[in-house]
PDB file of N, CA and C in Angstrom:
ATOM      1  N   UNK A   1      -7.128  -7.791  40.976  1.00  0.00           N
ATOM      2  CA  UNK A   1      -5.955  -7.514  40.165  1.00  0.00           C
ATOM      3  C   UNK A   1      -5.424  -8.823  39.586  1.00  0.00           C
ATOM      4  N   UNK A   2      -5.047  -8.772  38.343  1.00  0.00           N
ATOM      5  CA  UNK A   2      -4.523  -9.958  37.661  1.00  0.00           C
ATOM      6  C   UNK A   2      -3.076 -10.190  38.064  1.00  0.00           C
ATOM      7  N   UNK A   3      -2.772 -11.389  38.459  1.00  0.00           N
ATOM      8  CA  UNK A   3      -1.405 -11.746  38.791  1.00  0.00           C
ATOM      9  C   UNK A   3      -0.858 -12.672  37.733  1.00  0.00           C
ATOM     10  N   UNK A   4       0.437 -12.651  37.602  1.00  0.00           N
ATOM     11  CA  UNK A   4       1.109 -13.577  36.699  1.00  0.00           C
ATOM     12  C   UNK A   4       1.155 -14.926  37.410  1.00  0.00           C
ATOM     13  N   UNK A   5       0.534 -15.938  36.819  1.00  0.00           N
ATOM     14  CA  UNK A   5       0.503 -17.240  37.472  1.00  0.00           C
ATOM     15  C   UNK A   5       1.456 -18.204  36.776  1.00  0.00           C
ATOM     16  N   UNK A   6       2.002 -19.105  37.557  1.00  0.00           N
ATOM     17  CA  UNK A   6       2.865 -20.159  37.030  1.00  0.00           C
ATOM     18  C   UNK A   6       1.987 -21.380  36.794  1.00  0.00           C
ATOM     19  N   UNK A   7       2.052 -21.941  35.593  1.00  0.00           N
ATOM     20  CA  UNK A   7       1.306 -23.167  35.336  1.00  0.00           C
ATOM     21  C   UNK A   7       2.274 -24.300  35.029  1.00  0.00           C
ATOM     22  N   UNK A   8       1.785 -25.514  35.220  1.00  0.00           N
ATOM     23  CA  UNK A   8       2.591 -26.712  35.001  1.00  0.00           C
ATOM     24  C   UNK A   8       1.840 -27.639  34.047  1.00  0.00           C
ATOM     25  N   UNK A   9       2.488 -28.733  33.691  1.00  0.00           N
ATOM     26  CA  UNK A   9       1.810 -29.733  32.866  1.00  0.00           C
ATOM     27  C   UNK A   9       0.483 -30.150  33.507  1.00  0.00           C
ATOM     28  N   UNK A  10       0.479 -30.279  34.839  1.00  0.00           N
ATOM     29  CA  UNK A  10      -0.731 -30.764  35.515  1.00  0.00           C
ATOM     30  C   UNK A  10      -1.785 -29.679  35.727  1.00  0.00           C
ATOM     31  N   UNK A  11      -1.389 -28.415  35.840  1.00  0.00           N
ATOM     32  CA  UNK A  11      -2.380 -27.359  36.094  1.00  0.00           C
ATOM     33  C   UNK A  11      -2.821 -26.619  34.829  1.00  0.00           C
ATOM     34  N   UNK A  12      -2.198 -26.904  33.695  1.00  0.00           N
ATOM     35  CA  UNK A  12      -2.491 -26.201  32.445  1.00  0.00           C
ATOM     36  C   UNK A  12      -3.969 -26.320  32.053  1.00  0.00           C
ATOM     37  N   UNK A  13      -4.525 -27.501  32.177  1.00  0.00           N
ATOM     38  CA  UNK A  13      -5.921 -27.714  31.796  1.00  0.00           C
ATOM     39  C   UNK A  13      -6.881 -26.837  32.568  1.00  0.00           C
ATOM     40  N   UNK A  14      -6.714 -26.783  33.874  1.00  0.00           N
ATOM     41  CA  UNK A  14      -7.615 -25.996  34.717  1.00  0.00           C
ATOM     42  C   UNK A  14      -7.357 -24.503  34.553  1.00  0.00           C
ATOM     43  N   UNK A  15      -6.092 -24.093  34.615  1.00  0.00           N
ATOM     44  CA  UNK A  15      -5.753 -22.670  34.591  1.00  0.00           C
ATOM     45  C   UNK A  15      -5.926 -22.025  33.215  1.00  0.00           C
ATOM     46  N   UNK A  16      -5.706 -22.790  32.153  1.00  0.00           N
ATOM     47  CA  UNK A  16      -5.736 -22.218  30.803  1.00  0.00           C
ATOM     48  C   UNK A  16      -6.956 -22.697  30.015  1.00  0.00           C
ATOM     49  N   UNK A  17      -7.062 -23.992  29.823  1.00  0.00           N
ATOM     50  CA  UNK A  17      -8.105 -24.522  28.942  1.00  0.00           C
ATOM     51  C   UNK A  17      -9.512 -24.352  29.501  1.00  0.00           C
ATOM     52  N   UNK A  18      -9.657 -24.368  30.827  1.00  0.00           N
ATOM     53  CA  UNK A  18     -10.985 -24.231  31.433  1.00  0.00           C
ATOM     54  C   UNK A  18     -11.246 -22.829  31.966  1.00  0.00           C
ATOM     55  N   UNK A  19     -10.370 -21.896  31.660  1.00  0.00           N
ATOM     56  CA  UNK A  19     -10.542 -20.524  32.137  1.00  0.00           C
ATOM     57  C   UNK A  19     -11.689 -19.846  31.399  1.00  0.00           C
ATOM     58  N   UNK A  20     -12.455 -19.043  32.129  1.00  0.00           N
ATOM     59  CA  UNK A  20     -13.517 -18.281  31.478  1.00  0.00           C
ATOM     60  C   UNK A  20     -12.996 -16.961  30.917  1.00  0.00           C
ATOM     61  N   UNK A  21     -11.726 -16.684  31.171  1.00  0.00           N
ATOM     62  CA  UNK A  21     -11.091 -15.481  30.637  1.00  0.00           C
ATOM     63  C   UNK A  21     -10.160 -15.849  29.492  1.00  0.00           C
ATOM     64  N   UNK A  22      -9.823 -14.850  28.702  1.00  0.00           N
ATOM     65  CA  UNK A  22      -8.765 -15.018  27.710  1.00  0.00           C
ATOM     66  C   UNK A  22      -7.470 -15.210  28.483  1.00  0.00           C
ATOM     67  N   UNK A  23      -6.620 -16.124  28.020  1.00  0.00           N
ATOM     68  CA  UNK A  23      -5.359 -16.403  28.713  1.00  0.00           C
ATOM     69  C   UNK A  23      -4.194 -16.202  27.751  1.00  0.00           C
ATOM     70  N   UNK A  24      -3.220 -15.410  28.195  1.00  0.00           N
ATOM     71  CA  UNK A  24      -1.957 -15.268  27.481  1.00  0.00           C
ATOM     72  C   UNK A  24      -0.966 -16.182  28.180  1.00  0.00           C
ATOM     73  N   UNK A  25      -0.421 -17.159  27.457  1.00  0.00           N
ATOM     74  CA  UNK A  25       0.527 -18.108  28.041  1.00  0.00           C
ATOM     75  C   UNK A  25       1.913 -17.826  27.472  1.00  0.00           C
ATOM     76  N   UNK A  26       2.863 -17.621  28.373  1.00  0.00           N
ATOM     77  CA  UNK A  26       4.252 -17.364  28.013  1.00  0.00           C
ATOM     78  C   UNK A  26       5.050 -18.651  28.229  1.00  0.00           C
ATOM     79  N   UNK A  27       5.459 -19.292  27.143  1.00  0.00           N
ATOM     80  CA  UNK A  27       6.329 -20.468  27.211  1.00  0.00           C
ATOM     81  C   UNK A  27       7.763 -19.953  27.271  1.00  0.00           C
ATOM     82  N   UNK A  28       8.490 -20.305  28.335  1.00  0.00           N
ATOM     83  CA  UNK A  28       9.809 -19.746  28.574  1.00  0.00           C
ATOM     84  C   UNK A  28      10.721 -20.755  29.252  1.00  0.00           C
ATOM     85  N   UNK A  29      11.992 -20.371  29.444  1.00  0.00           N
ATOM     86  CA  UNK A  29      12.953 -21.149  30.231  1.00  0.00           C
ATOM     87  C   UNK A  29      13.926 -20.163  30.877  1.00  0.00           C
ATOM     88  N   UNK A  30      14.466 -20.511  32.051  1.00  0.00           N
ATOM     89  CA  UNK A  30      15.336 -19.584  32.779  1.00  0.00           C
ATOM     90  C   UNK A  30      16.627 -19.218  32.036  1.00  0.00           C
ATOM     91  N   UNK A  31      17.132 -20.097  31.200  1.00  0.00           N
ATOM     92  CA  UNK A  31      18.389 -19.852  30.494  1.00  0.00           C
ATOM     93  C   UNK A  31      18.207 -19.011  29.235  1.00  0.00           C
ATOM     94  N   UNK A  32      16.984 -18.718  28.872  1.00  0.00           N
ATOM     95  CA  UNK A  32      16.656 -18.047  27.607  1.00  0.00           C
ATOM     96  C   UNK A  32      16.776 -16.524  27.738  1.00  0.00           C
ATOM     97  N   UNK A  33      17.756 -15.942  27.049  1.00  0.00           N
ATOM     98  CA  UNK A  33      17.965 -14.495  27.079  1.00  0.00           C
ATOM     99  C   UNK A  33      16.763 -13.698  26.596  1.00  0.00           C
ATOM    100  N   UNK A  34      16.208 -14.021  25.416  1.00  0.00           N
ATOM    101  CA  UNK A  34      15.021 -13.291  24.957  1.00  0.00           C
ATOM    102  C   UNK A  34      13.826 -13.423  25.917  1.00  0.00           C
ATOM    103  N   UNK A  35      13.731 -14.554  26.609  1.00  0.00           N
ATOM    104  CA  UNK A  35      12.656 -14.731  27.600  1.00  0.00           C
ATOM    105  C   UNK A  35      12.822 -13.722  28.735  1.00  0.00           C
ATOM    106  N   UNK A  36      14.063 -13.526  29.171  1.00  0.00           N
ATOM    107  CA  UNK A  36      14.331 -12.551  30.233  1.00  0.00           C
ATOM    108  C   UNK A  36      14.045 -11.129  29.739  1.00  0.00           C
ATOM    109  N   UNK A  37      14.310 -10.882  28.449  1.00  0.00           N
ATOM    110  CA  UNK A  37      14.051  -9.548  27.891  1.00  0.00           C
ATOM    111  C   UNK A  37      12.561  -9.223  27.868  1.00  0.00           C
ATOM    112  N   UNK A  38      11.733 -10.201  27.594  1.00  0.00           N
ATOM    113  CA  UNK A  38      10.290  -9.958  27.461  1.00  0.00           C
ATOM    114  C   UNK A  38       9.557 -10.018  28.810  1.00  0.00           C
ATOM    115  N   UNK A  39      10.201 -10.553  29.819  1.00  0.00           N
ATOM    116  CA  UNK A  39       9.560 -10.726  31.123  1.00  0.00           C
ATOM    117  C   UNK A  39       8.987  -9.425  31.702  1.00  0.00           C
ATOM    118  N   UNK A  40       9.726  -8.297  31.679  1.00  0.00           N
ATOM    119  CA  UNK A  40       9.139  -7.054  32.208  1.00  0.00           C
ATOM    120  C   UNK A  40       7.911  -6.597  31.415  1.00  0.00           C
ATOM    121  N   UNK A  41       7.894  -6.871  30.116  1.00  0.00           N
ATOM    122  CA  UNK A  41       6.742  -6.503  29.289  1.00  0.00           C
ATOM    123  C   UNK A  41       5.523  -7.318  29.709  1.00  0.00           C
ATOM    124  N   UNK A  42       5.740  -8.606  29.970  1.00  0.00           N
ATOM    125  CA  UNK A  42       4.641  -9.474  30.413  1.00  0.00           C
ATOM    126  C   UNK A  42       4.082  -8.961  31.740  1.00  0.00           C
ATOM    127  N   UNK A  43       4.976  -8.551  32.648  1.00  0.00           N
ATOM    128  CA  UNK A  43       4.525  -8.030  33.941  1.00  0.00           C
ATOM    129  C   UNK A  43       3.745  -6.731  33.766  1.00  0.00           C
ATOM    130  N   UNK A  44       4.175  -5.875  32.834  1.00  0.00           N
ATOM    131  CA  UNK A  44       3.429  -4.645  32.553  1.00  0.00           C
ATOM    132  C   UNK A  44       2.029  -4.971  32.035  1.00  0.00           C
ATOM    133  N   UNK A  45       1.926  -5.993  31.191  1.00  0.00           N
ATOM    134  CA  UNK A  45       0.617  -6.384  30.664  1.00  0.00           C
ATOM    135  C   UNK A  45      -0.320  -6.826  31.784  1.00  0.00           C
ATOM    136  N   UNK A  46       0.238  -7.454  32.821  1.00  0.00           N
ATOM    137  CA  UNK A  46      -0.580  -7.850  33.981  1.00  0.00           C
ATOM    138  C   UNK A  46      -1.271  -6.622  34.565  1.00  0.00           C
ATOM    139  N   UNK A  47      -0.516  -5.540  34.708  1.00  0.00           N
ATOM    140  CA  UNK A  47      -1.088  -4.310  35.260  1.00  0.00           C
ATOM    141  C   UNK A  47      -2.026  -3.639  34.263  1.00  0.00           C
ATOM    142  N   UNK A  48      -1.639  -3.613  33.000  1.00  0.00           N
ATOM    143  CA  UNK A  48      -2.433  -2.931  31.975  1.00  0.00           C
ATOM    144  C   UNK A  48      -3.803  -3.577  31.781  1.00  0.00           C
ATOM    145  N   UNK A  49      -3.842  -4.892  31.842  1.00  0.00           N
ATOM    146  CA  UNK A  49      -5.087  -5.601  31.534  1.00  0.00           C
ATOM    147  C   UNK A  49      -5.874  -6.024  32.764  1.00  0.00           C
ATOM    148  N   UNK A  50      -5.302  -5.839  33.951  1.00  0.00           N
ATOM    149  CA  UNK A  50      -5.976  -6.163  35.207  1.00  0.00           C
ATOM    150  C   UNK A  50      -6.827  -7.413  35.122  1.00  0.00           C
ATOM    151  N   UNK A  51      -8.138  -7.270  35.278  1.00  0.00           N
ATOM    152  CA  UNK A  51      -9.028  -8.431  35.313  1.00  0.00           C
ATOM    153  C   UNK A  51      -9.571  -8.841  33.948  1.00  0.00           C
ATOM    154  N   UNK A  52      -9.112  -8.201  32.885  1.00  0.00           N
ATOM    155  CA  UNK A  52      -9.631  -8.523  31.553  1.00  0.00           C
ATOM    156  C   UNK A  52      -9.141  -9.872  31.047  1.00  0.00           C
ATOM    157  N   UNK A  53      -7.899 -10.211  31.374  1.00  0.00           N
ATOM    158  CA  UNK A  53      -7.315 -11.468  30.907  1.00  0.00           C
ATOM    159  C   UNK A  53      -6.537 -12.122  32.044  1.00  0.00           C
ATOM    160  N   UNK A  54      -6.171 -13.359  31.833  1.00  0.00           N
ATOM    161  CA  UNK A  54      -5.292 -14.083  32.750  1.00  0.00           C
ATOM    162  C   UNK A  54      -3.956 -14.247  32.020  1.00  0.00           C
ATOM    163  N   UNK A  55      -2.859 -14.059  32.747  1.00  0.00           N
ATOM    164  CA  UNK A  55      -1.533 -14.227  32.153  1.00  0.00           C
ATOM    165  C   UNK A  55      -0.803 -15.324  32.914  1.00  0.00           C
ATOM    166  N   UNK A  56      -0.290 -16.282  32.158  1.00  0.00           N
ATOM    167  CA  UNK A  56       0.361 -17.451  32.755  1.00  0.00           C
ATOM    168  C   UNK A  56       1.735 -17.672  32.137  1.00  0.00           C
ATOM    169  N   UNK A  57       2.632 -18.224  32.942  1.00  0.00           N
ATOM    170  CA  UNK A  57       3.961 -18.612  32.465  1.00  0.00           C
ATOM    171  C   UNK A  57       4.110 -20.114  32.641  1.00  0.00           C
ATOM    172  N   UNK A  58       4.756 -20.757  31.668  1.00  0.00           N
ATOM    173  CA  UNK A  58       5.052 -22.179  31.808  1.00  0.00           C
ATOM    174  C   UNK A  58       6.506 -22.409  31.415  1.00  0.00           C
ATOM    175  N   UNK A  59       7.268 -22.949  32.357  1.00  0.00           N
ATOM    176  CA  UNK A  59       8.683 -23.247  32.140  1.00  0.00           C
ATOM    177  C   UNK A  59       8.769 -24.517  31.290  1.00  0.00           C
ATOM    178  N   UNK A  60       9.278 -24.378  30.064  1.00  0.00           N
ATOM    179  CA  UNK A  60       9.292 -25.509  29.134  1.00  0.00           C
ATOM    180  C   UNK A  60      10.278 -26.600  29.547  1.00  0.00           C
ATOM    181  N   UNK A  61      11.313 -26.240  30.312  1.00  0.00           N
ATOM    182  CA  UNK A  61      12.259 -27.255  30.792  1.00  0.00           C
ATOM    183  C   UNK A  61      11.608 -28.167  31.829  1.00  0.00           C
ATOM    184  N   UNK A  62      10.809 -27.570  32.704  1.00  0.00           N
ATOM    185  CA  UNK A  62      10.176 -28.327  33.784  1.00  0.00           C
ATOM    186  C   UNK A  62       8.844 -28.952  33.360  1.00  0.00           C
ATOM    187  N   UNK A  63       8.287 -28.473  32.255  1.00  0.00           N
ATOM    188  CA  UNK A  63       6.968 -28.928  31.802  1.00  0.00           C
ATOM    189  C   UNK A  63       6.993 -29.254  30.310  1.00  0.00           C
ATOM    190  N   UNK A  64       7.736 -30.290  29.935  1.00  0.00           N
ATOM    191  CA  UNK A  64       7.910 -30.600  28.513  1.00  0.00           C
ATOM    192  C   UNK A  64       6.656 -31.146  27.825  1.00  0.00           C
ATOM    193  N   UNK A  65       5.727 -31.713  28.585  1.00  0.00           N
ATOM    194  CA  UNK A  65       4.538 -32.323  27.978  1.00  0.00           C
ATOM    195  C   UNK A  65       3.693 -31.283  27.236  1.00  0.00           C
ATOM    196  N   UNK A  66       3.363 -30.210  27.909  1.00  0.00           N
ATOM    197  CA  UNK A  66       2.534 -29.173  27.288  1.00  0.00           C
ATOM    198  C   UNK A  66       3.298 -28.486  26.161  1.00  0.00           C
ATOM    199  N   UNK A  67       4.582 -28.224  26.374  1.00  0.00           N
ATOM    200  CA  UNK A  67       5.394 -27.592  25.322  1.00  0.00           C
ATOM    201  C   UNK A  67       5.408 -28.456  24.066  1.00  0.00           C
ATOM    202  N   UNK A  68       5.542 -29.751  24.244  1.00  0.00           N
ATOM    203  CA  UNK A  68       5.549 -30.673  23.111  1.00  0.00           C
ATOM    204  C   UNK A  68       4.174 -30.739  22.450  1.00  0.00           C
ATOM    205  N   UNK A  69       3.141 -30.782  23.274  1.00  0.00           N
ATOM    206  CA  UNK A  69       1.768 -30.865  22.772  1.00  0.00           C
ATOM    207  C   UNK A  69       1.417 -29.686  21.865  1.00  0.00           C
ATOM    208  N   UNK A  70       1.958 -28.508  22.192  1.00  0.00           N
ATOM    209  CA  UNK A  70       1.676 -27.314  21.397  1.00  0.00           C
ATOM    210  C   UNK A  70       2.784 -26.993  20.400  1.00  0.00           C
ATOM    211  N   UNK A  71       3.716 -27.919  20.229  1.00  0.00           N
ATOM    212  CA  UNK A  71       4.738 -27.776  19.199  1.00  0.00           C
ATOM    213  C   UNK A  71       5.698 -26.627  19.420  1.00  0.00           C
ATOM    214  N   UNK A  72       6.028 -26.362  20.679  1.00  0.00           N
ATOM    215  CA  UNK A  72       6.946 -25.265  20.978  1.00  0.00           C
ATOM    216  C   UNK A  72       8.345 -25.654  20.517  1.00  0.00           C
ATOM    217  N   UNK A  73       8.878 -24.906  19.573  1.00  0.00           N
ATOM    218  CA  UNK A  73      10.213 -25.160  19.036  1.00  0.00           C
ATOM    219  C   UNK A  73      11.177 -24.028  19.351  1.00  0.00           C
ATOM    220  N   UNK A  74      10.620 -22.866  19.683  1.00  0.00           N
ATOM    221  CA  UNK A  74      11.414 -21.676  19.947  1.00  0.00           C
ATOM    222  C   UNK A  74      10.774 -20.937  21.116  1.00  0.00           C
ATOM    223  N   UNK A  75      11.607 -20.393  21.994  1.00  0.00           N
ATOM    224  CA  UNK A  75      11.079 -19.615  23.109  1.00  0.00           C
ATOM    225  C   UNK A  75      11.751 -18.248  23.111  1.00  0.00           C
ATOM    226  N   UNK A  76      11.069 -17.220  23.584  1.00  0.00           N
ATOM    227  CA  UNK A  76       9.712 -17.273  24.100  1.00  0.00           C
ATOM    228  C   UNK A  76       8.674 -17.448  22.988  1.00  0.00           C
ATOM    229  N   UNK A  77       7.661 -18.220  23.310  1.00  0.00           N
ATOM    230  CA  UNK A  77       6.466 -18.316  22.478  1.00  0.00           C
ATOM    231  C   UNK A  77       5.296 -17.924  23.364  1.00  0.00           C
ATOM    232  N   UNK A  78       4.475 -17.024  22.867  1.00  0.00           N
ATOM    233  CA  UNK A  78       3.295 -16.584  23.607  1.00  0.00           C
ATOM    234  C   UNK A  78       2.063 -17.009  22.834  1.00  0.00           C
ATOM    235  N   UNK A  79       1.151 -17.668  23.525  1.00  0.00           N
ATOM    236  CA  UNK A  79      -0.083 -18.134  22.897  1.00  0.00           C
ATOM    237  C   UNK A  79      -1.278 -17.521  23.605  1.00  0.00           C
ATOM    238  N   UNK A  80      -2.272 -17.176  22.813  1.00  0.00           N
ATOM    239  CA  UNK A  80      -3.522 -16.642  23.349  1.00  0.00           C
ATOM    240  C   UNK A  80      -4.570 -17.746  23.252  1.00  0.00           C
ATOM    241  N   UNK A  81      -5.230 -18.014  24.378  1.00  0.00           N
ATOM    242  CA  UNK A  81      -6.291 -19.019  24.438  1.00  0.00           C
ATOM    243  C   UNK A  81      -7.610 -18.334  24.773  1.00  0.00           C
ATOM    244  N   UNK A  82      -8.667 -18.739  24.070  1.00  0.00           N
ATOM    245  CA  UNK A  82     -10.013 -18.235  24.337  1.00  0.00           C
ATOM    246  C   UNK A  82     -10.959 -19.428  24.305  1.00  0.00           C
ATOM    247  N   UNK A  83     -11.724 -19.593  25.377  1.00  0.00           N
ATOM    248  CA  UNK A  83     -12.657 -20.723  25.503  1.00  0.00           C
ATOM    249  C   UNK A  83     -11.929 -22.056  25.299  1.00  0.00           C
ATOM    250  N   UNK A  84     -10.701 -22.158  25.823  1.00  0.00           N
ATOM    251  CA  UNK A  84      -9.954 -23.410  25.757  1.00  0.00           C
ATOM    252  C   UNK A  84      -9.268 -23.693  24.440  1.00  0.00           C
ATOM    253  N   UNK A  85      -9.380 -22.785  23.485  1.00  0.00           N
ATOM    254  CA  UNK A  85      -8.777 -22.990  22.166  1.00  0.00           C
ATOM    255  C   UNK A  85      -7.662 -21.976  21.927  1.00  0.00           C
ATOM    256  N   UNK A  86      -6.589 -22.433  21.330  1.00  0.00           N
ATOM    257  CA  UNK A  86      -5.518 -21.509  20.948  1.00  0.00           C
ATOM    258  C   UNK A  86      -6.032 -20.682  19.777  1.00  0.00           C
ATOM    259  N   UNK A  87      -5.988 -19.361  19.924  1.00  0.00           N
ATOM    260  CA  UNK A  87      -6.484 -18.484  18.867  1.00  0.00           C
ATOM    261  C   UNK A  87      -5.380 -17.653  18.222  1.00  0.00           C
ATOM    262  N   UNK A  88      -4.220 -17.568  18.871  1.00  0.00           N
ATOM    263  CA  UNK A  88      -3.121 -16.796  18.295  1.00  0.00           C
ATOM    264  C   UNK A  88      -1.803 -17.225  18.917  1.00  0.00           C
ATOM    265  N   UNK A  89      -0.723 -16.993  18.169  1.00  0.00           N
ATOM    266  CA  UNK A  89       0.625 -17.324  18.629  1.00  0.00           C
ATOM    267  C   UNK A  89       1.572 -16.216  18.205  1.00  0.00           C
ATOM    268  N   UNK A  90       2.444 -15.814  19.128  1.00  0.00           N
ATOM    269  CA  UNK A  90       3.495 -14.838  18.845  1.00  0.00           C
ATOM    270  C   UNK A  90       4.807 -15.475  19.273  1.00  0.00           C
ATOM    271  N   UNK A  91       5.766 -15.519  18.361  1.00  0.00           N
ATOM    272  CA  UNK A  91       7.053 -16.154  18.664  1.00  0.00           C
ATOM    273  C   UNK A  91       8.139 -15.091  18.739  1.00  0.00           C
ATOM    274  N   UNK A  92       8.943 -15.173  19.801  1.00  0.00           N
ATOM    275  CA  UNK A  92      10.086 -14.280  19.942  1.00  0.00           C
ATOM    276  C   UNK A  92       9.820 -13.129  20.896  1.00  0.00           C
ATOM    277  N   UNK A  93      10.896 -12.390  21.178  1.00  0.00           N
ATOM    278  CA  UNK A  93      10.819 -11.228  22.061  1.00  0.00           C
ATOM    279  C   UNK A  93      10.331 -10.039  21.243  1.00  0.00           C
ATOM    280  N   UNK A  94       9.040  -9.868  21.199  1.00  0.00           N
ATOM    281  CA  UNK A  94       8.417  -8.824  20.383  1.00  0.00           C
ATOM    282  C   UNK A  94       8.136  -7.588  21.233  1.00  0.00           C
ATOM    283  N   UNK A  95       7.937  -6.438  20.585  1.00  0.00           N
ATOM    284  CA  UNK A  95       7.606  -5.223  21.344  1.00  0.00           C
ATOM    285  C   UNK A  95       6.249  -5.344  22.040  1.00  0.00           C
ATOM    286  N   UNK A  96       6.092  -4.559  23.092  1.00  0.00           N
ATOM    287  CA  UNK A  96       4.837  -4.546  23.837  1.00  0.00           C
ATOM    288  C   UNK A  96       3.660  -4.222  22.919  1.00  0.00           C
ATOM    289  N   UNK A  97       3.866  -3.308  21.971  1.00  0.00           N
ATOM    290  CA  UNK A  97       2.785  -2.910  21.063  1.00  0.00           C
ATOM    291  C   UNK A  97       2.256  -4.096  20.254  1.00  0.00           C
ATOM    292  N   UNK A  98       3.137  -5.020  19.902  1.00  0.00           N
ATOM    293  CA  UNK A  98       2.715  -6.218  19.165  1.00  0.00           C
ATOM    294  C   UNK A  98       1.809  -7.084  20.028  1.00  0.00           C
ATOM    295  N   UNK A  99       2.182  -7.251  21.287  1.00  0.00           N
ATOM    296  CA  UNK A  99       1.365  -8.062  22.196  1.00  0.00           C
ATOM    297  C   UNK A  99       0.019  -7.391  22.472  1.00  0.00           C
ATOM    298  N   UNK A 100       0.029  -6.077  22.616  1.00  0.00           N
ATOM    299  CA  UNK A 100      -1.222  -5.355  22.857  1.00  0.00           C
ATOM    300  C   UNK A 100      -2.168  -5.522  21.672  1.00  0.00           C
ATOM    301  N   UNK A 101      -1.659  -5.340  20.465  1.00  0.00           N
ATOM    302  CA  UNK A 101      -2.543  -5.470  19.298  1.00  0.00           C
ATOM    303  C   UNK A 101      -3.044  -6.903  19.140  1.00  0.00           C
ATOM    304  N   UNK A 102      -2.211  -7.870  19.510  1.00  0.00           N
ATOM    305  CA  UNK A 102      -2.641  -9.272  19.461  1.00  0.00           C
ATOM    306  C   UNK A 102      -3.754  -9.524  20.474  1.00  0.00           C
ATOM    307  N   UNK A 103      -3.562  -9.086  21.713  1.00  0.00           N
ATOM    308  CA  UNK A 103      -4.560  -9.316  22.761  1.00  0.00           C
ATOM    309  C   UNK A 103      -5.863  -8.574  22.483  1.00  0.00           C
ATOM    310  N   UNK A 104      -5.746  -7.343  21.994  1.00  0.00           N
ATOM    311  CA  UNK A 104      -6.939  -6.522  21.786  1.00  0.00           C
ATOM    312  C   UNK A 104      -7.889  -7.111  20.746  1.00  0.00           C
ATOM    313  N   UNK A 105      -7.396  -7.978  19.888  1.00  0.00           N
ATOM    314  CA  UNK A 105      -8.265  -8.625  18.899  1.00  0.00           C
ATOM    315  C   UNK A 105      -9.286  -9.552  19.559  1.00  0.00           C
ATOM    316  N   UNK A 106      -8.982 -10.011  20.779  1.00  0.00           N
ATOM    317  CA  UNK A 106      -9.811 -11.043  21.415  1.00  0.00           C
ATOM    318  C   UNK A 106     -10.586 -10.552  22.630  1.00  0.00           C
ATOM    319  N   UNK A 107     -10.382  -9.311  23.005  1.00  0.00           N
ATOM    320  CA  UNK A 107     -11.072  -8.781  24.196  1.00  0.00           C
ATOM    321  C   UNK A 107     -12.393  -8.151  23.795  1.00  0.00           C
TER     322      UNK A 107
END
């Protein structure tokens, strides 16, 4: 079963860039209202996609290096990585259907 994993500046390379699975990365912060709104949707995706993809969260306040490296200016920002490359980006608290259609393009 796929679990929602927490990644940091130091674990991002191994957990995301070197993953053999597609990875959905949720850039968020605890004070962000829209981030809290989308959190249950992200958890539902964990169940919906089981072992098909990996889902990761990165707190941009605690991990500014990766957020800066990927030009995160607004949160939540969700990025899809495949074979270590960013292949898609979704910004904002979007409906679950938007995330599903985004992910399904890469599975």
